[in-house]
All heavy atoms as atom14 arrays in JSON, in Angstrom:
{
  "sequence": "NVGDKVDLKLPKNQVDYVKQIIENKKGPLVLVIASGSPVSLEGLEEYC",
  "atom14_mask": [
    [1, 1, 1, 1, 1, 1, 1, 1, 0, 0, 0, 0, 0, 0],
    [1, 1, 1, 1, 1, 1, 1, 0, 0, 0, 0, 0, 0, 0],
    [1, 1, 1, 1, 0, 0, 0, 0, 0, 0, 0, 0, 0, 0],
    [1, 1, 1, 1, 1, 1, 1, 1, 0, 0, 0, 0, 0, 0],
    [1, 1, 1, 1, 1, 1, 1, 1, 1, 0, 0, 0, 0, 0],
    [1, 1, 1, 1, 1, 1, 1, 0, 0, 0, 0, 0, 0, 0],
    [1, 1, 1, 1, 1, 1, 1, 1, 0, 0, 0, 0, 0, 0],
    [1, 1, 1, 1, 1, 1, 1, 1, 0, 0, 0, 0, 0, 0],
    [1, 1, 1, 1, 1, 1, 1, 1, 1, 0, 0, 0, 0, 0],
    [1, 1, 1, 1, 1, 1, 1, 1, 0, 0, 0, 0, 0, 0],
    [1, 1, 1, 1, 1, 1, 1, 0, 0, 0, 0, 0, 0, 0],
    [1, 1, 1, 1, 1, 1, 1, 1, 1, 0, 0, 0, 0, 0],
    [1, 1, 1, 1, 1, 1, 1, 1, 0, 0, 0, 0, 0, 0],
    [1, 1, 1, 1, 1, 1, 1, 1, 1, 0, 0, 0, 0, 0],
    [1, 1, 1, 1, 1, 1, 1, 0, 0, 0, 0, 0, 0, 0],
    [1, 1, 1, 1, 1, 1, 1, 1, 0, 0, 0, 0, 0, 0],
    [1, 1, 1, 1, 1, 1, 1, 1, 1, 1, 1, 1, 0, 0],
    [1, 1, 1, 1, 1, 1, 1, 0, 0, 0, 0, 0, 0, 0],
    [1, 1, 1, 1, 1, 1, 1, 1, 1, 0, 0, 0, 0, 0],
    [1, 1, 1, 1, 1, 1, 1, 1, 1, 0, 0, 0, 0, 0],
    [1, 1, 1, 1, 1, 1, 1, 1, 0, 0, 0, 0, 0, 0],
    [1, 1, 1, 1, 1, 1, 1, 1, 0, 0, 0, 0, 0, 0],
    [1, 1, 1, 1, 1, 1, 1, 1, 1, 0, 0, 0, 0, 0],
    [1, 1, 1, 1, 1, 1, 1, 1, 0, 0, 0, 0, 0, 0],
    [1, 1, 1, 1, 1, 1, 1, 1, 1, 0, 0, 0, 0, 0],
    [1, 1, 1, 1, 1, 1, 1, 1, 1, 0, 0, 0, 0, 0],
    [1, 1, 1, 1, 0, 0, 0, 0, 0, 0, 0, 0, 0, 0],
    [1, 1, 1, 1, 1, 1, 1, 0, 0, 0, 0, 0, 0, 0],
    [1, 1, 1, 1, 1, 1, 1, 1, 0, 0, 0, 0, 0, 0],
    [1, 1, 1, 1, 1, 1, 1, 0, 0, 0, 0, 0, 0, 0],
    [1, 1, 1, 1, 1, 1, 1, 1, 0, 0, 0, 0, 0, 0],
    [1, 1, 1, 1, 1, 1, 1, 0, 0, 0, 0, 0, 0, 0],
    [1, 1, 1, 1, 1, 1, 1, 1, 0, 0, 0, 0, 0, 0],
    [1, 1, 1, 1, 1, 0, 0, 0, 0, 0, 0, 0, 0, 0],
    [1, 1, 1, 1, 1, 1, 0, 0, 0, 0, 0, 0, 0, 0],
    [1, 1, 1, 1, 0, 0, 0, 0, 0, 0, 0, 0, 0, 0],
    [1, 1, 1, 1, 1, 1, 0, 0, 0, 0, 0, 0, 0, 0],
    [1, 1, 1, 1, 1, 1, 1, 0, 0, 0, 0, 0, 0, 0],
    [1, 1, 1, 1, 1, 1, 1, 0, 0, 0, 0, 0, 0, 0],
    [1, 1, 1, 1, 1, 1, 0, 0, 0, 0, 0, 0, 0, 0],
    [1, 1, 1, 1, 1, 1, 1, 1, 0, 0, 0, 0, 0, 0],
    [1, 1, 1, 1, 1, 1, 1, 1, 1, 0, 0, 0, 0, 0],
    [1, 1, 1, 1, 0, 0, 0, 0, 0, 0, 0, 0, 0, 0],
    [1, 1, 1, 1, 1, 1, 1, 1, 0, 0, 0, 0, 0, 0],
    [1, 1, 1, 1, 1, 1, 1, 1, 1, 0, 0, 0, 0, 0],
    [1, 1, 1, 1, 1, 1, 1, 1, 1, 0, 0, 0, 0, 0],
    [1, 1, 1, 1, 1, 1, 1, 1, 1, 1, 1, 1, 0, 0],
    [1, 1, 1, 1, 1, 1, 0, 0, 0, 0, 0, 0, 0, 0]
  ],
  "atom14_positions": [
    [[-5.81, 13.69, -19.43], [-6.79, 14.78, -19.39], [-6.56, 15.66, -18.16], [-7.46, 15.91, -17.38], [-8.21, 14.2, -19.36], [-9.25, 15.23, -19.73], [-8.99, 16.15, -20.49], [-10.44, 15.07, -19.18], [0.0, 0.0, 0.0], [0.0, 0.0, 0.0], [0.0, 0.0, 0.0], [0.0, 0.0, 0.0], [0.0, 0.0, 0.0], [0.0, 0.0, 0.0]],
    [[-5.32, 16.12, -17.99], [-4.95, 17.07, -16.93], [-5.37, 16.55, -15.56], [-5.94, 17.27, -14.75], [-5.56, 18.47, -17.19], [-4.83, 19.53, -16.36], [-5.49, 18.84, -18.65], [0.0, 0.0, 0.0], [0.0, 0.0, 0.0], [0.0, 0.0, 0.0], [0.0, 0.0, 0.0], [0.0, 0.0, 0.0], [0.0, 0.0, 0.0], [0.0, 0.0, 0.0]],
    [[-5.1, 15.3, -15.3], [-5.39, 14.72, -14.0], [-6.63, 13.86, -13.96], [-6.76, 12.97, -13.12], [0.0, 0.0, 0.0], [0.0, 0.0, 0.0], [0.0, 0.0, 0.0], [0.0, 0.0, 0.0], [0.0, 0.0, 0.0], [0.0, 0.0, 0.0], [0.0, 0.0, 0.0], [0.0, 0.0, 0.0], [0.0, 0.0, 0.0], [0.0, 0.0, 0.0]],
    [[-7.59, 14.14, -14.82], [-8.82, 13.36, -14.87], [-8.66, 12.18, -15.83], [-7.73, 12.11, -16.62], [-9.98, 14.23, -15.34], [-10.37, 15.28, -14.33], [-10.2, 15.03, -13.13], [-10.83, 16.36, -14.74], [0.0, 0.0, 0.0], [0.0, 0.0, 0.0], [0.0, 0.0, 0.0], [0.0, 0.0, 0.0], [0.0, 0.0, 0.0], [0.0, 0.0, 0.0]],
    [[-9.63, 11.26, -15.77], [-9.64, 10.12, -16.67], [-10.57, 10.41, -17.85], [-11.62, 11.02, -17.69], [-10.12, 8.87, -15.95], [-9.21, 8.45, -14.79], [-9.49, 7.05, -14.3], [-10.87, 6.87, -13.76], [-11.1, 5.54, -13.17], [0.0, 0.0, 0.0], [0.0, 0.0, 0.0], [0.0, 0.0, 0.0], [0.0, 0.0, 0.0], [0.0, 0.0, 0.0]],
    [[-10.17, 9.97, -19.01], [-11.01, 10.1, -20.2], [-12.12, 9.05, -20.18], [-13.26, 9.3, -20.55], [-10.17, 9.96, -21.49], [-11.05, 10.04, -22.72], [-9.09, 11.04, -21.54], [0.0, 0.0, 0.0], [0.0, 0.0, 0.0], [0.0, 0.0, 0.0], [0.0, 0.0, 0.0], [0.0, 0.0, 0.0], [0.0, 0.0, 0.0], [0.0, 0.0, 0.0]],
    [[-11.76, 7.86, -19.74], [-12.74, 6.78, -19.61], [-12.41, 6.0, -18.35], [-11.55, 6.41, -17.55], [-12.73, 5.88, -20.85], [-11.35, 5.34, -21.17], [-10.63, 4.93, -20.22], [-10.97, 5.32, -22.35], [0.0, 0.0, 0.0], [0.0, 0.0, 0.0], [0.0, 0.0, 0.0], [0.0, 0.0, 0.0], [0.0, 0.0, 0.0], [0.0, 0.0, 0.0]],
    [[-13.07, 4.88, -18.13], [-12.87, 4.11, -16.91], [-12.03, 2.86, -17.15], [-11.88, 2.03, -16.26], [-14.22, 3.71, -16.31], [-15.22, 4.84, -16.08], [-16.47, 4.3, -15.4], [-14.61, 5.96, -15.27], [0.0, 0.0, 0.0], [0.0, 0.0, 0.0], [0.0, 0.0, 0.0], [0.0, 0.0, 0.0], [0.0, 0.0, 0.0], [0.0, 0.0, 0.0]],
    [[-11.48, 2.74, -18.35], [-10.74, 1.53, -18.7], [-9.33, 1.53, -18.1], [-8.76, 2.59, -17.84], [-10.63, 1.42, -20.22], [-11.96, 1.32, -20.94], [-11.75, 1.34, -22.45], [-13.08, 1.31, -23.19], [-12.9, 1.39, -24.67], [0.0, 0.0, 0.0], [0.0, 0.0, 0.0], [0.0, 0.0, 0.0], [0.0, 0.0, 0.0], [0.0, 0.0, 0.0]],
    [[-8.79, 0.35, -17.92], [-7.37, 0.21, -17.64], [-6.59, 0.65, -18.87], [-7.1, 0.58, -20.0], [-7.03, -1.24, -17.31], [-7.53, -1.79, -15.97], [-7.37, -3.31, -15.94], [-6.79, -1.16, -14.81], [0.0, 0.0, 0.0], [0.0, 0.0, 0.0], [0.0, 0.0, 0.0], [0.0, 0.0, 0.0], [0.0, 0.0, 0.0], [0.0, 0.0, 0.0]],
    [[-5.35, 1.1, -18.7], [-4.52, 1.38, -19.87], [-4.48, 0.19, -20.82], [-4.45, -0.96, -20.37], [-3.14, 1.67, -19.26], [-3.45, 2.18, -17.89], [-4.65, 1.41, -17.44], [0.0, 0.0, 0.0], [0.0, 0.0, 0.0], [0.0, 0.0, 0.0], [0.0, 0.0, 0.0], [0.0, 0.0, 0.0], [0.0, 0.0, 0.0], [0.0, 0.0, 0.0]],
    [[-4.48, 0.46, -22.1], [-4.62, -0.61, -23.1], [-3.54, -1.67, -22.96], [-3.82, -2.87, -23.13], [-4.57, -0.01, -24.51], [-4.83, -1.04, -25.62], [-4.84, -0.4, -26.99], [-5.18, -1.43, -28.07], [-4.25, -2.58, -28.09], [0.0, 0.0, 0.0], [0.0, 0.0, 0.0], [0.0, 0.0, 0.0], [0.0, 0.0, 0.0], [0.0, 0.0, 0.0]],
    [[-2.32, -1.27, -22.66], [-1.26, -2.26, -22.55], [-1.52, -3.23, -21.39], [-1.18, -4.41, -21.47], [0.1, -1.58, -22.36], [0.15, -0.72, -21.12], [-0.62, 0.22, -20.98], [1.05, -1.04, -20.19], [0.0, 0.0, 0.0], [0.0, 0.0, 0.0], [0.0, 0.0, 0.0], [0.0, 0.0, 0.0], [0.0, 0.0, 0.0], [0.0, 0.0, 0.0]],
    [[-2.15, -2.74, -20.31], [-2.49, -3.63, -19.21], [-3.62, -4.59, -19.6], [-3.58, -5.78, -19.27], [-2.9, -2.82, -17.98], [-1.77, -2.0, -17.37], [-2.17, -1.39, -16.04], [-2.9, -1.99, -15.27], [-1.68, -0.19, -15.77], [0.0, 0.0, 0.0], [0.0, 0.0, 0.0], [0.0, 0.0, 0.0], [0.0, 0.0, 0.0], [0.0, 0.0, 0.0]],
    [[-4.63, -4.06, -20.28], [-5.72, -4.91, -20.75], [-5.18, -6.0, -21.67], [-5.55, -7.18, -21.55], [-6.79, -4.07, -21.48], [-7.84, -4.98, -22.12], [-7.45, -3.09, -20.52], [0.0, 0.0, 0.0], [0.0, 0.0, 0.0], [0.0, 0.0, 0.0], [0.0, 0.0, 0.0], [0.0, 0.0, 0.0], [0.0, 0.0, 0.0], [0.0, 0.0, 0.0]],
    [[-4.31, -5.62, -22.59], [-3.72, -6.59, -23.52], [-2.94, -7.67, -22.77], [-2.99, -8.86, -23.13], [-2.81, -5.89, -24.52], [-3.58, -5.01, -25.5], [-4.81, -5.18, -25.6], [-2.96, -4.14, -26.13], [0.0, 0.0, 0.0], [0.0, 0.0, 0.0], [0.0, 0.0, 0.0], [0.0, 0.0, 0.0], [0.0, 0.0, 0.0], [0.0, 0.0, 0.0]],
    [[-2.23, -7.26, -21.73], [-1.44, -8.22, -20.97], [-2.34, -9.2, -20.22], [-2.09, -10.42, -20.21], [-0.5, -7.51, -20.01], [0.36, -8.45, -19.2], [1.2, -9.36, -19.83], [0.31, -8.45, -17.81], [1.99, -10.25, -19.1], [1.09, -9.32, -17.07], [1.92, -10.22, -17.72], [2.7, -11.09, -17.0], [0.0, 0.0, 0.0], [0.0, 0.0, 0.0]],
    [[-3.4, -8.7, -19.61], [-4.33, -9.58, -18.91], [-4.95, -10.57, -19.89], [-5.11, -11.76, -19.58], [-5.42, -8.77, -18.19], [-6.47, -9.7, -17.57], [-4.82, -7.9, -17.09], [0.0, 0.0, 0.0], [0.0, 0.0, 0.0], [0.0, 0.0, 0.0], [0.0, 0.0, 0.0], [0.0, 0.0, 0.0], [0.0, 0.0, 0.0], [0.0, 0.0, 0.0]],
    [[-5.27, -10.1, -21.08], [-5.83, -11.0, -22.09], [-4.83, -12.08, -22.49], [-5.21, -13.24, -22.74], [-6.29, -10.2, -23.31], [-7.54, -9.38, -23.07], [-7.96, -8.61, -24.31], [-9.27, -7.85, -24.07], [-9.68, -7.07, -25.26], [0.0, 0.0, 0.0], [0.0, 0.0, 0.0], [0.0, 0.0, 0.0], [0.0, 0.0, 0.0], [0.0, 0.0, 0.0]],
    [[-3.57, -11.72, -22.56], [-2.54, -12.73, -22.86], [-2.46, -13.78, -21.75], [-2.3, -14.98, -22.02], [-1.18, -12.05, -23.03], [-1.04, -11.25, -24.31], [0.32, -10.58, -24.39], [0.73, -9.84, -23.49], [1.03, -10.83, -25.48], [0.0, 0.0, 0.0], [0.0, 0.0, 0.0], [0.0, 0.0, 0.0], [0.0, 0.0, 0.0], [0.0, 0.0, 0.0]],
    [[-2.58, -13.34, -20.53], [-2.58, -14.28, -19.4], [-3.79, -15.21, -19.48], [-3.68, -16.43, -19.28], [-2.56, -13.52, -18.06], [-1.21, -12.85, -17.86], [-2.87, -14.46, -16.9], [-1.14, -11.97, -16.64], [0.0, 0.0, 0.0], [0.0, 0.0, 0.0], [0.0, 0.0, 0.0], [0.0, 0.0, 0.0], [0.0, 0.0, 0.0], [0.0, 0.0, 0.0]],
    [[-4.94, -14.62, -19.8], [-6.17, -15.42, -19.93], [-5.99, -16.52, -20.98], [-6.43, -17.66, -20.8], [-7.35, -14.5, -20.28], [-7.68, -13.6, -19.08], [-8.57, -15.3, -20.71], [-8.62, -12.46, -19.41], [0.0, 0.0, 0.0], [0.0, 0.0, 0.0], [0.0, 0.0, 0.0], [0.0, 0.0, 0.0], [0.0, 0.0, 0.0], [0.0, 0.0, 0.0]],
    [[-5.32, -16.18, -22.06], [-5.11, -17.15, -23.14], [-4.14, -18.26, -22.74], [-4.23, -19.39, -23.23], [-4.57, -16.43, -24.38], [-5.57, -15.49, -25.02], [-4.94, -14.66, -26.14], [-3.72, -14.84, -26.38], [-5.65, -13.84, -26.74], [0.0, 0.0, 0.0], [0.0, 0.0, 0.0], [0.0, 0.0, 0.0], [0.0, 0.0, 0.0], [0.0, 0.0, 0.0]],
    [[-3.22, -17.94, -21.82], [-2.14, -18.88, -21.49], [-2.32, -19.6, -20.17], [-1.68, -20.64, -19.94], [-0.8, -18.14, -21.46], [-0.28, -17.79, -22.83], [0.35, -18.6, -23.5], [-0.56, -16.57, -23.27], [0.0, 0.0, 0.0], [0.0, 0.0, 0.0], [0.0, 0.0, 0.0], [0.0, 0.0, 0.0], [0.0, 0.0, 0.0], [0.0, 0.0, 0.0]],
    [[-3.12, -19.1, -19.29], [-3.14, -19.59, -17.9], [-3.57, -21.05, -17.79], [-4.44, -21.53, -18.53], [-4.06, -18.71, -17.05], [-5.55, -18.82, -17.34], [-6.33, -17.82, -16.48], [-7.82, -17.89, -16.75], [-8.44, -19.07, -16.18], [0.0, 0.0, 0.0], [0.0, 0.0, 0.0], [0.0, 0.0, 0.0], [0.0, 0.0, 0.0], [0.0, 0.0, 0.0]],
    [[-2.93, -21.72, -16.84], [-3.31, -23.1, -16.51], [-4.29, -23.13, -15.35], [-5.3, -23.83, -15.38], [-2.06, -23.91, -16.14], [-2.36, -25.36, -15.74], [-1.1, -26.1, -15.32], [-0.63, -25.67, -13.93], [0.5, -26.49, -13.44], [0.0, 0.0, 0.0], [0.0, 0.0, 0.0], [0.0, 0.0, 0.0], [0.0, 0.0, 0.0], [0.0, 0.0, 0.0]],
    [[-4.0, -22.38, -14.33], [-4.85, -22.33, -13.14], [-5.71, -21.08, -13.13], [-5.8, -20.34, -14.11], [0.0, 0.0, 0.0], [0.0, 0.0, 0.0], [0.0, 0.0, 0.0], [0.0, 0.0, 0.0], [0.0, 0.0, 0.0], [0.0, 0.0, 0.0], [0.0, 0.0, 0.0], [0.0, 0.0, 0.0], [0.0, 0.0, 0.0], [0.0, 0.0, 0.0]],
    [[-6.38, -20.82, -12.02], [-7.25, -19.65, -11.92], [-6.48, -18.34, -11.95], [-5.28, -18.29, -11.69], [-7.94, -19.85, -10.57], [-7.04, -20.75, -9.8], [-6.39, -21.64, -10.8], [0.0, 0.0, 0.0], [0.0, 0.0, 0.0], [0.0, 0.0, 0.0], [0.0, 0.0, 0.0], [0.0, 0.0, 0.0], [0.0, 0.0, 0.0], [0.0, 0.0, 0.0]],
    [[-7.22, -17.27, -12.29], [-6.64, -15.93, -12.37], [-7.26, -15.06, -11.27], [-8.48, -14.9, -11.2], [-6.92, -15.3, -13.74], [-6.6, -13.81, -13.9], [-5.11, -13.55, -13.65], [-7.0, -13.32, -15.29], [0.0, 0.0, 0.0], [0.0, 0.0, 0.0], [0.0, 0.0, 0.0], [0.0, 0.0, 0.0], [0.0, 0.0, 0.0], [0.0, 0.0, 0.0]],
    [[-6.4, -14.51, -10.42], [-6.81, -13.56, -9.39], [-6.35, -12.17, -9.84], [-5.15, -11.92, -9.95], [-6.19, -13.9, -8.01], [-6.59, -12.86, -6.97], [-6.6, -15.3, -7.58], [0.0, 0.0, 0.0], [0.0, 0.0, 0.0], [0.0, 0.0, 0.0], [0.0, 0.0, 0.0], [0.0, 0.0, 0.0], [0.0, 0.0, 0.0], [0.0, 0.0, 0.0]],
    [[-7.32, -11.3, -10.11], [-7.0, -9.95, -10.58], [-7.05, -9.0, -9.39], [-8.06, -8.9, -8.69], [-7.99, -9.5, -11.65], [-7.61, -8.24, -12.43], [-6.38, -8.5, -13.3], [-8.77, -7.76, -13.3], [0.0, 0.0, 0.0], [0.0, 0.0, 0.0], [0.0, 0.0, 0.0], [0.0, 0.0, 0.0], [0.0, 0.0, 0.0], [0.0, 0.0, 0.0]],
    [[-5.96, -8.31, -9.16], [-5.85, -7.33, -8.08], [-5.77, -5.95, -8.7], [-4.88, -5.69, -9.52], [-4.61, -7.6, -7.2], [-4.48, -6.55, -6.11], [-4.68, -9.0, -6.6], [0.0, 0.0, 0.0], [0.0, 0.0, 0.0], [0.0, 0.0, 0.0], [0.0, 0.0, 0.0], [0.0, 0.0, 0.0], [0.0, 0.0, 0.0], [0.0, 0.0, 0.0]],
    [[-6.73, -5.07, -8.34], [-6.82, -3.75, -8.97], [-6.46, -2.67, -7.97], [-7.09, -2.55, -6.91], [-8.23, -3.49, -9.51], [-8.67, -4.62, -10.44], [-8.28, -2.15, -10.23], [-10.16, -4.59, -10.74], [0.0, 0.0, 0.0], [0.0, 0.0, 0.0], [0.0, 0.0, 0.0], [0.0, 0.0, 0.0], [0.0, 0.0, 0.0], [0.0, 0.0, 0.0]],
    [[-5.47, -1.88, -8.3], [-5.08, -0.72, -7.5], [-5.55, 0.54, -8.23], [-5.17, 0.78, -9.37], [-3.57, -0.68, -7.3], [0.0, 0.0, 0.0], [0.0, 0.0, 0.0], [0.0, 0.0, 0.0], [0.0, 0.0, 0.0], [0.0, 0.0, 0.0], [0.0, 0.0, 0.0], [0.0, 0.0, 0.0], [0.0, 0.0, 0.0], [0.0, 0.0, 0.0]],
    [[-6.38, 1.31, -7.56], [-6.83, 2.58, -8.15], [-7.53, 3.39, -7.08], [-7.93, 2.85, -6.05], [-7.8, 2.33, -9.33], [-9.01, 1.77, -8.86], [0.0, 0.0, 0.0], [0.0, 0.0, 0.0], [0.0, 0.0, 0.0], [0.0, 0.0, 0.0], [0.0, 0.0, 0.0], [0.0, 0.0, 0.0], [0.0, 0.0, 0.0], [0.0, 0.0, 0.0]],
    [[-7.67, 4.67, -7.35], [-8.41, 5.53, -6.43], [-9.8, 5.82, -6.92], [-10.49, 6.68, -6.37], [0.0, 0.0, 0.0], [0.0, 0.0, 0.0], [0.0, 0.0, 0.0], [0.0, 0.0, 0.0], [0.0, 0.0, 0.0], [0.0, 0.0, 0.0], [0.0, 0.0, 0.0], [0.0, 0.0, 0.0], [0.0, 0.0, 0.0], [0.0, 0.0, 0.0]],
    [[-10.23, 5.08, -7.94], [-11.52, 5.35, -8.57], [-12.0, 4.07, -9.26], [-11.24, 3.12, -9.43], [-11.38, 6.47, -9.6], [-10.48, 6.07, -10.63], [0.0, 0.0, 0.0], [0.0, 0.0, 0.0], [0.0, 0.0, 0.0], [0.0, 0.0, 0.0], [0.0, 0.0, 0.0], [0.0, 0.0, 0.0], [0.0, 0.0, 0.0], [0.0, 0.0, 0.0]],
    [[-13.25, 4.05, -9.71], [-13.76, 2.87, -10.41], [-13.01, 2.59, -11.71], [-12.69, 3.5, -12.47], [-15.22, 3.24, -10.7], [-15.57, 4.23, -9.65], [-14.33, 5.04, -9.44], [0.0, 0.0, 0.0], [0.0, 0.0, 0.0], [0.0, 0.0, 0.0], [0.0, 0.0, 0.0], [0.0, 0.0, 0.0], [0.0, 0.0, 0.0], [0.0, 0.0, 0.0]],
    [[-12.74, 1.32, -11.93], [-12.11, 0.85, -13.16], [-13.08, -0.11, -13.85], [-13.63, -1.01, -13.21], [-10.78, 0.14, -12.86], [-10.26, -0.59, -14.09], [-9.74, 1.15, -12.38], [0.0, 0.0, 0.0], [0.0, 0.0, 0.0], [0.0, 0.0, 0.0], [0.0, 0.0, 0.0], [0.0, 0.0, 0.0], [0.0, 0.0, 0.0], [0.0, 0.0, 0.0]],
    [[-13.3, 0.1, -15.13], [-14.18, -0.78, -15.9], [-13.46, -2.08, -16.25], [-12.3, -2.06, -16.67], [-14.64, -0.09, -17.18], [-15.33, -0.99, -18.01], [0.0, 0.0, 0.0], [0.0, 0.0, 0.0], [0.0, 0.0, 0.0], [0.0, 0.0, 0.0], [0.0, 0.0, 0.0], [0.0, 0.0, 0.0], [0.0, 0.0, 0.0], [0.0, 0.0, 0.0]],
    [[-14.18, -3.18, -16.08], [-13.59, -4.49, -16.4], [-14.34, -5.17, -17.54], [-14.31, -6.41, -17.65], [-13.61, -5.38, -15.15], [-12.74, -4.9, -13.99], [-12.88, -5.84, -12.81], [-11.28, -4.79, -14.41], [0.0, 0.0, 0.0], [0.0, 0.0, 0.0], [0.0, 0.0, 0.0], [0.0, 0.0, 0.0], [0.0, 0.0, 0.0], [0.0, 0.0, 0.0]],
    [[-14.99, -4.39, -18.38], [-15.69, -4.96, -19.52], [-14.71, -5.76, -20.38], [-13.65, -5.26, -20.75], [-16.34, -3.86, -20.35], [-17.63, -3.32, -19.75], [-18.36, -2.4, -20.72], [-17.73, -1.45, -21.23], [-19.55, -2.62, -20.97], [0.0, 0.0, 0.0], [0.0, 0.0, 0.0], [0.0, 0.0, 0.0], [0.0, 0.0, 0.0], [0.0, 0.0, 0.0]],
    [[-15.05, -6.98, -20.68], [-14.2, -7.84, -21.5], [-13.18, -8.62, -20.7], [-12.5, -9.5, -21.26], [0.0, 0.0, 0.0], [0.0, 0.0, 0.0], [0.0, 0.0, 0.0], [0.0, 0.0, 0.0], [0.0, 0.0, 0.0], [0.0, 0.0, 0.0], [0.0, 0.0, 0.0], [0.0, 0.0, 0.0], [0.0, 0.0, 0.0], [0.0, 0.0, 0.0]],
    [[-13.05, -8.35, -19.4], [-12.09, -9.06, -18.56], [-12.77, -9.79, -17.41], [-12.34, -10.88, -17.02], [-11.06, -8.08, -17.98], [-10.15, -7.34, -18.95], [-9.22, -6.41, -18.18], [-9.35, -8.31, -19.81], [0.0, 0.0, 0.0], [0.0, 0.0, 0.0], [0.0, 0.0, 0.0], [0.0, 0.0, 0.0], [0.0, 0.0, 0.0], [0.0, 0.0, 0.0]],
    [[-13.81, -9.21, -16.86], [-14.42, -9.71, -15.63], [-14.8, -11.18, -15.72], [-14.54, -11.97, -14.8], [-15.66, -8.86, -15.28], [-16.27, -9.18, -13.93], [-17.23, -10.35, -13.95], [-17.75, -10.68, -15.04], [-17.44, -10.96, -12.88], [0.0, 0.0, 0.0], [0.0, 0.0, 0.0], [0.0, 0.0, 0.0], [0.0, 0.0, 0.0], [0.0, 0.0, 0.0]],
    [[-15.41, -11.57, -16.82], [-15.91, -12.94, -16.93], [-14.79, -13.98, -16.97], [-15.04, -15.17, -16.73], [-16.8, -13.09, -18.17], [-16.12, -12.73, -19.49], [-16.33, -11.27, -19.9], [-16.34, -10.4, -19.01], [-16.48, -11.03, -21.11], [0.0, 0.0, 0.0], [0.0, 0.0, 0.0], [0.0, 0.0, 0.0], [0.0, 0.0, 0.0], [0.0, 0.0, 0.0]],
    [[-13.56, -13.55, -17.24], [-12.44, -14.49, -17.33], [-11.62, -14.54, -16.04], [-10.66, -15.31, -15.95], [-11.53, -14.11, -18.5], [-12.24, -14.09, -19.83], [-12.56, -12.89, -20.45], [-12.61, -15.28, -20.45], [-13.22, -12.87, -21.67], [-13.27, -15.27, -21.67], [-13.58, -14.05, -22.27], [-14.24, -14.04, -23.47], [0.0, 0.0, 0.0], [0.0, 0.0, 0.0]],
    [[-11.99, -13.72, -15.07], [-11.27, -13.68, -13.8], [-12.0, -14.55, -12.78], [-13.23, -14.48, -12.66], [-11.17, -12.26, -13.28], [-10.28, -11.13, -14.38], [0.0, 0.0, 0.0], [0.0, 0.0, 0.0], [0.0, 0.0, 0.0], [0.0, 0.0, 0.0], [0.0, 0.0, 0.0], [0.0, 0.0, 0.0], [0.0, 0.0, 0.0], [0.0, 0.0, 0.0]]
  ]
}
């Protein structure tokens, strides 16, 4: 959107990858988020 964000979600491919890790992980998951603005973690937060 010409520099702006359409929504606050992570790119879908990243969300899908995190979900794959959640399904496979043996130990705890530490999620590190790099951004200059708020990122929504709906559907991911509870698994981190």
